[in-house]
Amino acid sequence: MSKGTNLGNIKASNRELLILGNGPSLRKLLDENRAFTEDKDLLVVNFSSTSADYTELHPKYYLLMDPAFFENENTVRKVFEPMIEKTSWQMTLFVPSTACKNKGWQDIVSKNRNITINFFNPTPVEGYKSFCHFCYRKGWGMPRPRNVLVACCMVSLALPYNRIYLAGADHSWMKEIWVDENNVVQEDCAHFYDKKGTTRVTSPYKLYMLVESMAIAFRSYIYVEEYCKTLGKKIINISEGSYIDAFERMKV
């Protein structure tokens, strides 16, 4: 394991980047159109290291955002142990700067010399557009990263790619949450790597809290797209059935 600090020093292997979210639509892409992934550098997230596809995809980048990946012992082991066991290629692991204080995950990753850690600043930046874009370029922060794919987009825009594709970004949460007769919010969660299909989860939050969180995420994508245009780059959403309305769409 080694540590990097400057995104500008990272070299692209291919001309285009494909961000692979965990939405269930990614399963169809991998099963029916895997050739689309073959001439692009790949960025994966969250529990991708636990999937059977991980060693076949050989992602160039891996990004983690949620504090649980660095603070919760069970979650740390679940994601990092298969990562260090399976990663036999050179890969950059992007983690928020706030994770540097947690040593447990770093001790695990240090066992694999193929993985380079690169920290990014997840500080939410809001205000005048010109001020925000200045901060984004400096790497001082990003639109509020309520979802890991917001951070993925912003980190990707700092890398040497002009064309970035977004897959598995379903974000169709609005049709997956409901309230039972006891006024308890239930969520029907699904990911591309789930072998048993949809999992029903009882949410610890009230409905308004989940809806507010969704609104923040969708708004952040609008800010990402506005910044993307100033760079002369393009983010293209190829996720079938995606609820994200910020980026250009393309059917694969």
C-alpha atoms as a PDB file:
ATOM      1  CA  MET A   1       0.000   0.000   0.000  1.00  0.00           C
ATOM      2  CA  SER A   2       1.202   3.497  -0.803  1.00  0.00           C
ATOM      3  CA  LYS A   3      -0.401   6.914  -0.419  1.00  0.00           C
ATOM      4  CA  GLY A   4      -0.936   9.547  -3.082  1.00  0.00           C
ATOM      5  CA  THR A   5      -2.130  13.122  -2.689  1.00  0.00           C
ATOM      6  CA  ASN A   6      -2.293  14.756  -6.119  1.00  0.00           C
ATOM      7  CA  LEU A   7      -5.092  13.644  -8.453  1.00  0.00           C
ATOM      8  CA  GLY A   8      -3.384  15.442 -11.305  1.00  0.00           C
ATOM      9  CA  ASN A   9      -0.533  12.906 -11.176  1.00  0.00           C
ATOM     10  CA  ILE A  10      -2.826   9.948 -11.859  1.00  0.00           C
ATOM     11  CA  LYS A  11      -2.441   8.565 -15.372  1.00  0.00           C
ATOM     12  CA  ALA A  12      -5.384   7.214 -17.354  1.00  0.00           C
ATOM     13  CA  SER A  13      -5.119   3.792 -18.979  1.00  0.00           C
ATOM     14  CA  ASN A  14      -7.999   4.471 -21.368  1.00  0.00           C
ATOM     15  CA  ARG A  15      -9.604   7.602 -22.819  1.00  0.00           C
ATOM     16  CA  GLU A  16     -12.922   7.212 -20.992  1.00  0.00           C
ATOM     17  CA  LEU A  17     -14.011   6.480 -17.432  1.00  0.00           C
ATOM     18  CA  LEU A  18     -16.995   4.400 -16.356  1.00  0.00           C
ATOM     19  CA  ILE A  19     -18.355   4.833 -12.818  1.00  0.00           C
ATOM     20  CA  LEU A  20     -20.135   1.698 -11.613  1.00  0.00           C
ATOM     21  CA  GLY A  21     -22.707   2.420  -8.931  1.00  0.00           C
ATOM     22  CA  ASN A  22     -24.440  -0.338  -6.976  1.00  0.00           C
ATOM     23  CA  GLY A  23     -27.945   0.064  -8.422  1.00  0.00           C
ATOM     24  CA  PRO A  24     -29.701  -3.082  -9.720  1.00  0.00           C
ATOM     25  CA  SER A  25     -29.629  -1.801 -13.311  1.00  0.00           C
ATOM     26  CA  LEU A  26     -25.886  -2.467 -13.349  1.00  0.00           C
ATOM     27  CA  ARG A  27     -26.611  -6.206 -13.331  1.00  0.00           C
ATOM     28  CA  LYS A  28     -28.208  -5.963 -16.766  1.00  0.00           C
ATOM     29  CA  LEU A  29     -25.270  -3.971 -18.146  1.00  0.00           C
ATOM     30  CA  LEU A  30     -22.744  -6.513 -16.873  1.00  0.00           C
ATOM     31  CA  ASP A  31     -24.762  -9.506 -18.060  1.00  0.00           C
ATOM     32  CA  GLU A  32     -25.825  -8.214 -21.471  1.00  0.00           C
ATOM     33  CA  ASN A  33     -23.368  -5.455 -22.437  1.00  0.00           C
ATOM     34  CA  ARG A  34     -20.131  -6.194 -20.578  1.00  0.00           C
ATOM     35  CA  ALA A  35     -18.183  -5.316 -23.724  1.00  0.00           C
ATOM     36  CA  PHE A  36     -19.061  -1.672 -22.992  1.00  0.00           C
ATOM     37  CA  THR A  37     -16.790  -1.821 -19.921  1.00  0.00           C
ATOM     38  CA  GLU A  38     -13.767  -3.275 -21.686  1.00  0.00           C
ATOM     39  CA  ASP A  39     -12.178  -0.192 -23.259  1.00  0.00           C
ATOM     40  CA  LYS A  40     -12.732   2.115 -20.290  1.00  0.00           C
ATOM     41  CA  ASP A  41     -11.121   2.686 -16.916  1.00  0.00           C
ATOM     42  CA  LEU A  42     -13.514   1.628 -14.173  1.00  0.00           C
ATOM     43  CA  LEU A  43     -14.384   3.151 -10.803  1.00  0.00           C
ATOM     44  CA  VAL A  44     -16.333   1.035  -8.295  1.00  0.00           C
ATOM     45  CA  VAL A  45     -17.851   1.834  -4.900  1.00  0.00           C
ATOM     46  CA  ASN A  46     -19.005   0.489  -1.547  1.00  0.00           C
ATOM     47  CA  PHE A  47     -19.248  -3.319  -1.313  1.00  0.00           C
ATOM     48  CA  SER A  48     -18.086  -4.022  -4.868  1.00  0.00           C
ATOM     49  CA  SER A  49     -15.127  -6.007  -3.503  1.00  0.00           C
ATOM     50  CA  THR A  50     -17.584  -8.624  -2.208  1.00  0.00           C
ATOM     51  CA  SER A  51     -19.120  -9.247  -5.641  1.00  0.00           C
ATOM     52  CA  ALA A  52     -18.151 -12.040  -8.002  1.00  0.00           C
ATOM     53  CA  ASP A  53     -17.648  -9.430 -10.756  1.00  0.00           C
ATOM     54  CA  TYR A  54     -14.833  -7.628  -8.932  1.00  0.00           C
ATOM     55  CA  THR A  55     -11.921  -9.769 -10.126  1.00  0.00           C
ATOM     56  CA  GLU A  56     -13.303  -9.844 -13.666  1.00  0.00           C
ATOM     57  CA  LEU A  57     -13.705  -6.070 -13.916  1.00  0.00           C
ATOM     58  CA  HIS A  58     -10.252  -5.178 -12.514  1.00  0.00           C
ATOM     59  CA  PRO A  59     -11.314  -1.623 -11.580  1.00  0.00           C
ATOM     60  CA  LYS A  60      -8.626   1.011 -11.785  1.00  0.00           C
ATOM     61  CA  TYR A  61     -10.277   3.021  -9.004  1.00  0.00           C
ATOM     62  CA  TYR A  62     -12.323   2.293  -5.887  1.00  0.00           C
ATOM     63  CA  LEU A  63     -14.087   4.998  -3.861  1.00  0.00           C
ATOM     64  CA  LEU A  64     -15.559   4.798  -0.356  1.00  0.00           C
ATOM     65  CA  MET A  65     -17.438   7.612   1.328  1.00  0.00           C
ATOM     66  CA  ASP A  66     -19.650   6.417   4.196  1.00  0.00           C
ATOM     67  CA  PRO A  67     -17.983   6.740   7.644  1.00  0.00           C
ATOM     68  CA  ALA A  68     -19.101   3.176   8.435  1.00  0.00           C
ATOM     69  CA  PHE A  69     -16.448   1.846   6.046  1.00  0.00           C
ATOM     70  CA  PHE A  70     -13.759   3.250   8.330  1.00  0.00           C
ATOM     71  CA  GLU A  71     -15.362   3.257  11.778  1.00  0.00           C
ATOM     72  CA  ASN A  72     -17.540   0.141  12.052  1.00  0.00           C
ATOM     73  CA  GLU A  73     -15.369  -2.921  12.640  1.00  0.00           C
ATOM     74  CA  ASN A  74     -17.731  -5.383  10.927  1.00  0.00           C
ATOM     75  CA  THR A  75     -18.158  -3.130   7.891  1.00  0.00           C
ATOM     76  CA  VAL A  76     -14.404  -2.511   7.710  1.00  0.00           C
ATOM     77  CA  ARG A  77     -13.695  -6.225   7.555  1.00  0.00           C
ATOM     78  CA  LYS A  78     -16.533  -6.924   5.130  1.00  0.00           C
ATOM     79  CA  VAL A  79     -15.253  -4.506   2.481  1.00  0.00           C
ATOM     80  CA  PHE A  80     -11.476  -4.419   3.016  1.00  0.00           C
ATOM     81  CA  GLU A  81     -10.631  -8.073   3.611  1.00  0.00           C
ATOM     82  CA  PRO A  82     -11.902  -9.244   0.195  1.00  0.00           C
ATOM     83  CA  MET A  83     -10.383  -6.132  -1.360  1.00  0.00           C
ATOM     84  CA  ILE A  84      -6.844  -6.916  -0.203  1.00  0.00           C
ATOM     85  CA  GLU A  85      -7.301 -10.624  -0.936  1.00  0.00           C
ATOM     86  CA  LYS A  86      -8.581 -10.190  -4.503  1.00  0.00           C
ATOM     87  CA  THR A  87      -6.779  -7.100  -5.827  1.00  0.00           C
ATOM     88  CA  SER A  88      -3.888  -8.464  -7.886  1.00  0.00           C
ATOM     89  CA  TRP A  89      -3.669  -5.381 -10.137  1.00  0.00           C
ATOM     90  CA  GLN A  90      -2.685  -1.752  -9.546  1.00  0.00           C
ATOM     91  CA  MET A  91      -5.632   0.169  -8.105  1.00  0.00           C
ATOM     92  CA  THR A  92      -6.178   3.590  -6.532  1.00  0.00           C
ATOM     93  CA  LEU A  93      -8.449   3.703  -3.481  1.00  0.00           C
ATOM     94  CA  PHE A  94     -10.116   7.079  -2.923  1.00  0.00           C
ATOM     95  CA  VAL A  95     -11.203   7.787   0.642  1.00  0.00           C
ATOM     96  CA  PRO A  96     -12.345  11.008   2.374  1.00  0.00           C
ATOM     97  CA  SER A  97      -9.702  12.905   4.306  1.00  0.00           C
ATOM     98  CA  THR A  98     -11.805  12.410   7.443  1.00  0.00           C
ATOM     99  CA  ALA A  99     -10.933   8.683   7.340  1.00  0.00           C
ATOM    100  CA  CYS A 100      -7.211   9.230   7.900  1.00  0.00           C
ATOM    101  CA  LYS A 101      -7.707   9.223  11.679  1.00  0.00           C
ATOM    102  CA  ASN A 102      -8.970   5.624  11.639  1.00  0.00           C
ATOM    103  CA  LYS A 103      -6.074   3.156  11.587  1.00  0.00           C
ATOM    104  CA  GLY A 104      -7.909  -0.178  11.464  1.00  0.00           C
ATOM    105  CA  TRP A 105      -8.773  -0.100   7.767  1.00  0.00           C
ATOM    106  CA  GLN A 106      -5.340   1.270   6.883  1.00  0.00           C
ATOM    107  CA  ASP A 107      -3.664  -1.654   8.637  1.00  0.00           C
ATOM    108  CA  ILE A 108      -5.698  -4.052   6.499  1.00  0.00           C
ATOM    109  CA  VAL A 109      -5.031  -2.233   3.214  1.00  0.00           C
ATOM    110  CA  SER A 110      -1.303  -2.014   3.990  1.00  0.00           C
ATOM    111  CA  LYS A 111      -1.094  -5.776   3.391  1.00  0.00           C
ATOM    112  CA  ASN A 112      -1.603  -5.263  -0.349  1.00  0.00           C
ATOM    113  CA  ARG A 113       1.075  -3.347  -2.256  1.00  0.00           C
ATOM    114  CA  ASN A 114      -1.114  -3.040  -5.340  1.00  0.00           C
ATOM    115  CA  ILE A 115      -3.411  -0.527  -3.652  1.00  0.00           C
ATOM    116  CA  THR A 116      -2.579   3.179  -3.512  1.00  0.00           C
ATOM    117  CA  ILE A 117      -4.618   5.346  -1.136  1.00  0.00           C
ATOM    118  CA  ASN A 118      -5.593   8.817  -2.295  1.00  0.00           C
ATOM    119  CA  PHE A 119      -7.491  11.167   0.025  1.00  0.00           C
ATOM    120  CA  PHE A 120     -10.101  13.650  -1.188  1.00  0.00           C
ATOM    121  CA  ASN A 121     -11.835  16.521   0.608  1.00  0.00           C
ATOM    122  CA  PRO A 122     -15.591  15.826   1.103  1.00  0.00           C
ATOM    123  CA  THR A 123     -16.327  19.225   2.678  1.00  0.00           C
ATOM    124  CA  PRO A 124     -19.677  20.555   1.379  1.00  0.00           C
ATOM    125  CA  VAL A 125     -19.212  23.855  -0.443  1.00  0.00           C
ATOM    126  CA  GLU A 126     -22.217  26.111  -1.010  1.00  0.00           C
ATOM    127  CA  GLY A 127     -22.752  29.735  -1.997  1.00  0.00           C
ATOM    128  CA  TYR A 128     -22.107  31.782  -5.118  1.00  0.00           C
ATOM    129  CA  LYS A 129     -21.466  29.613  -8.146  1.00  0.00           C
ATOM    130  CA  SER A 130     -18.126  31.244  -8.977  1.00  0.00           C
ATOM    131  CA  PHE A 131     -16.928  30.733  -5.416  1.00  0.00           C
ATOM    132  CA  CYS A 132     -18.037  27.094  -5.406  1.00  0.00           C
ATOM    133  CA  HIS A 133     -16.325  26.339  -8.705  1.00  0.00           C
ATOM    134  CA  PHE A 134     -13.118  27.947  -7.458  1.00  0.00           C
ATOM    135  CA  CYS A 135     -13.189  25.702  -4.377  1.00  0.00           C
ATOM    136  CA  TYR A 136     -13.952  22.626  -6.468  1.00  0.00           C
ATOM    137  CA  ARG A 137     -10.945  23.260  -8.700  1.00  0.00           C
ATOM    138  CA  LYS A 138      -8.708  23.659  -5.659  1.00  0.00           C
ATOM    139  CA  GLY A 139      -9.989  20.401  -4.210  1.00  0.00           C
ATOM    140  CA  TRP A 140     -11.267  22.198  -1.107  1.00  0.00           C
ATOM    141  CA  GLY A 141     -14.671  20.554  -1.257  1.00  0.00           C
ATOM    142  CA  MET A 142     -17.600  19.539  -3.440  1.00  0.00           C
ATOM    143  CA  PRO A 143     -21.389  19.750  -3.716  1.00  0.00           C
ATOM    144  CA  ARG A 144     -22.905  18.133  -0.644  1.00  0.00           C
ATOM    145  CA  PRO A 145     -21.947  14.439  -1.081  1.00  0.00           C
ATOM    146  CA  ARG A 146     -25.132  12.935   0.317  1.00  0.00           C
ATOM    147  CA  ASN A 147     -24.596   9.972  -2.017  1.00  0.00           C
ATOM    148  CA  VAL A 148     -21.291   8.274  -2.819  1.00  0.00           C
ATOM    149  CA  LEU A 149     -21.799   8.911  -6.550  1.00  0.00           C
ATOM    150  CA  VAL A 150     -21.641  12.677  -5.983  1.00  0.00           C
ATOM    151  CA  ALA A 151     -18.117  12.190  -4.646  1.00  0.00           C
ATOM    152  CA  CYS A 152     -17.342   9.808  -7.516  1.00  0.00           C
ATOM    153  CA  CYS A 153     -18.352  12.401 -10.092  1.00  0.00           C
ATOM    154  CA  MET A 154     -16.315  15.162  -8.469  1.00  0.00           C
ATOM    155  CA  VAL A 155     -13.189  13.036  -8.042  1.00  0.00           C
ATOM    156  CA  SER A 156     -13.567  11.821 -11.638  1.00  0.00           C
ATOM    157  CA  LEU A 157     -13.715  15.384 -12.930  1.00  0.00           C
ATOM    158  CA  ALA A 158     -10.297  15.975 -11.366  1.00  0.00           C
ATOM    159  CA  LEU A 159      -8.884  13.001 -13.292  1.00  0.00           C
ATOM    160  CA  PRO A 160      -7.643  13.101 -16.924  1.00  0.00           C
ATOM    161  CA  TYR A 161     -10.935  12.090 -18.560  1.00  0.00           C
ATOM    162  CA  ASN A 162     -13.166  14.280 -20.709  1.00  0.00           C
ATOM    163  CA  ARG A 163     -15.943  11.694 -21.056  1.00  0.00           C
ATOM    164  CA  ILE A 164     -17.333   9.990 -17.952  1.00  0.00           C
ATOM    165  CA  TYR A 165     -20.139   7.421 -17.962  1.00  0.00           C
ATOM    166  CA  LEU A 166     -22.380   6.716 -14.984  1.00  0.00           C
ATOM    167  CA  ALA A 167     -23.900   3.219 -14.631  1.00  0.00           C
ATOM    168  CA  GLY A 168     -25.859   1.583 -11.833  1.00  0.00           C
ATOM    169  CA  ALA A 169     -27.060   5.006 -10.665  1.00  0.00           C
ATOM    170  CA  ASP A 170     -30.727   4.039 -10.372  1.00  0.00           C
ATOM    171  CA  HIS A 171     -31.552   6.350  -7.436  1.00  0.00           C
ATOM    172  CA  SER A 172     -35.157   5.137  -7.702  1.00  0.00           C
ATOM    173  CA  TRP A 173     -35.638   5.338  -3.945  1.00  0.00           C
ATOM    174  CA  MET A 174     -39.008   7.075  -4.185  1.00  0.00           C
ATOM    175  CA  LYS A 175     -40.663   3.889  -5.441  1.00  0.00           C
ATOM    176  CA  GLU A 176     -38.768   1.715  -2.966  1.00  0.00           C
ATOM    177  CA  ILE A 177     -39.899   3.295   0.315  1.00  0.00           C
ATOM    178  CA  TRP A 178     -43.277   3.007   1.998  1.00  0.00           C
ATOM    179  CA  VAL A 179     -44.913   3.468   5.411  1.00  0.00           C
ATOM    180  CA  ASP A 180     -46.574   0.559   7.214  1.00  0.00           C
ATOM    181  CA  GLU A 181     -49.669   0.672   9.442  1.00  0.00           C
ATOM    182  CA  ASN A 182     -47.505   1.459  12.468  1.00  0.00           C
ATOM    183  CA  ASN A 183     -46.091   4.595  10.810  1.00  0.00           C
ATOM    184  CA  VAL A 184     -42.715   2.892  10.374  1.00  0.00           C
ATOM    185  CA  VAL A 185     -40.799   3.530   7.150  1.00  0.00           C
ATOM    186  CA  GLN A 186     -39.833   0.423   5.206  1.00  0.00           C
ATOM    187  CA  GLU A 187     -37.309   0.270   2.373  1.00  0.00           C
ATOM    188  CA  ASP A 188     -37.082  -2.336  -0.373  1.00  0.00           C
ATOM    189  CA  CYS A 189     -33.345  -2.216  -1.122  1.00  0.00           C
ATOM    190  CA  ALA A 190     -31.651  -3.817  -4.121  1.00  0.00           C
ATOM    191  CA  HIS A 191     -28.052  -3.835  -5.412  1.00  0.00           C
ATOM    192  CA  PHE A 192     -26.510  -5.337  -8.532  1.00  0.00           C
ATOM    193  CA  TYR A 193     -24.632  -7.945  -6.478  1.00  0.00           C
ATOM    194  CA  ASP A 194     -27.620  -9.147  -4.432  1.00  0.00           C
ATOM    195  CA  LYS A 195     -28.112 -12.854  -5.073  1.00  0.00           C
ATOM    196  CA  LYS A 196     -31.411 -13.055  -3.190  1.00  0.00           C
ATOM    197  CA  GLY A 197     -33.051 -10.079  -4.869  1.00  0.00           C
ATOM    198  CA  THR A 198     -34.689  -7.211  -3.012  1.00  0.00           C
ATOM    199  CA  THR A 199     -34.142  -6.941   0.752  1.00  0.00           C
ATOM    200  CA  ARG A 200     -36.735  -5.289   2.985  1.00  0.00           C
ATOM    201  CA  VAL A 201     -35.184  -3.001   5.607  1.00  0.00           C
ATOM    202  CA  THR A 202     -36.884  -1.135   8.441  1.00  0.00           C
ATOM    203  CA  SER A 203     -35.624   2.436   8.337  1.00  0.00           C
ATOM    204  CA  PRO A 204     -34.589   4.180  11.576  1.00  0.00           C
ATOM    205  CA  TYR A 205     -35.659   7.500  10.031  1.00  0.00           C
ATOM    206  CA  LYS A 206     -38.954   9.309   9.554  1.00  0.00           C
ATOM    207  CA  LEU A 207     -40.160   9.729   5.987  1.00  0.00           C
ATOM    208  CA  TYR A 208     -39.466  13.467   5.789  1.00  0.00           C
ATOM    209  CA  MET A 209     -35.825  12.822   6.692  1.00  0.00           C
ATOM    210  CA  LEU A 210     -35.393  10.360   3.830  1.00  0.00           C
ATOM    211  CA  VAL A 211     -37.130  12.660   1.356  1.00  0.00           C
ATOM    212  CA  GLU A 212     -34.943  15.605   2.421  1.00  0.00           C
ATOM    213  CA  SER A 213     -31.850  13.446   1.956  1.00  0.00           C
ATOM    214  CA  MET A 214     -32.976  12.465  -1.541  1.00  0.00           C
ATOM    215  CA  ALA A 215     -33.578  16.104  -2.475  1.00  0.00           C
ATOM    216  CA  ILE A 216     -30.068  17.047  -1.372  1.00  0.00           C
ATOM    217  CA  ALA A 217     -28.541  14.280  -3.491  1.00  0.00           C
ATOM    218  CA  PHE A 218     -30.500  15.179  -6.631  1.00  0.00           C
ATOM    219  CA  ARG A 219     -29.663  18.881  -6.169  1.00  0.00           C
ATOM    220  CA  SER A 220     -25.974  18.051  -5.794  1.00  0.00           C
ATOM    221  CA  TYR A 221     -25.991  16.351  -9.196  1.00  0.00           C
ATOM    222  CA  ILE A 222     -27.275  19.581 -10.733  1.00  0.00           C
ATOM    223  CA  TYR A 223     -24.311  21.411  -9.190  1.00  0.00           C
ATOM    224  CA  VAL A 224     -21.939  18.710 -10.450  1.00  0.00           C
ATOM    225  CA  GLU A 225     -23.277  19.094 -13.991  1.00  0.00           C
ATOM    226  CA  GLU A 226     -22.927  22.892 -13.879  1.00  0.00           C
ATOM    227  CA  TYR A 227     -19.291  22.534 -12.794  1.00  0.00           C
ATOM    228  CA  CYS A 228     -18.657  19.802 -15.367  1.00  0.00           C
ATOM    229  CA  LYS A 229     -19.649  22.148 -18.189  1.00  0.00           C
ATOM    230  CA  THR A 230     -17.109  24.771 -17.065  1.00  0.00           C
ATOM    231  CA  LEU A 231     -14.381  22.157 -17.522  1.00  0.00           C
ATOM    232  CA  GLY A 232     -15.503  21.267 -21.022  1.00  0.00           C
ATOM    233  CA  LYS A 233     -16.118  17.689 -19.892  1.00  0.00           C
ATOM    234  CA  LYS A 234     -19.181  15.472 -20.104  1.00  0.00           C
ATOM    235  CA  ILE A 235     -20.915  13.097 -17.684  1.00  0.00           C
ATOM    236  CA  ILE A 236     -23.313  10.697 -19.395  1.00  0.00           C
ATOM    237  CA  ASN A 237     -25.855   8.661 -17.447  1.00  0.00           C
ATOM    238  CA  ILE A 238     -26.348   5.205 -18.980  1.00  0.00           C
ATOM    239  CA  SER A 239     -28.280   3.794 -15.986  1.00  0.00           C
ATOM    240  CA  GLU A 240     -31.546   2.298 -17.214  1.00  0.00           C
ATOM    241  CA  GLY A 241     -34.503   3.709 -15.286  1.00  0.00           C
ATOM    242  CA  SER A 242     -32.391   6.243 -13.387  1.00  0.00           C
ATOM    243  CA  TYR A 243     -34.160   9.043 -11.527  1.00  0.00           C
ATOM    244  CA  ILE A 244     -31.186  11.414 -11.844  1.00  0.00           C
ATOM    245  CA  ASP A 245     -32.274  14.285 -14.087  1.00  0.00           C
ATOM    246  CA  ALA A 246     -29.033  16.278 -14.195  1.00  0.00           C
ATOM    247  CA  PHE A 247     -26.904  14.528 -16.832  1.00  0.00           C
ATOM    248  CA  GLU A 248     -27.162  13.694 -20.504  1.00  0.00           C
ATOM    249  CA  ARG A 249     -28.662  10.252 -21.064  1.00  0.00           C
ATOM    250  CA  MET A 250     -27.496   7.470 -23.367  1.00  0.00           C
ATOM    251  CA  LYS A 251     -28.953   4.028 -23.976  1.00  0.00           C
ATOM    252  CA  VAL A 252     -26.416   1.202 -24.177  1.00  0.00           C
END
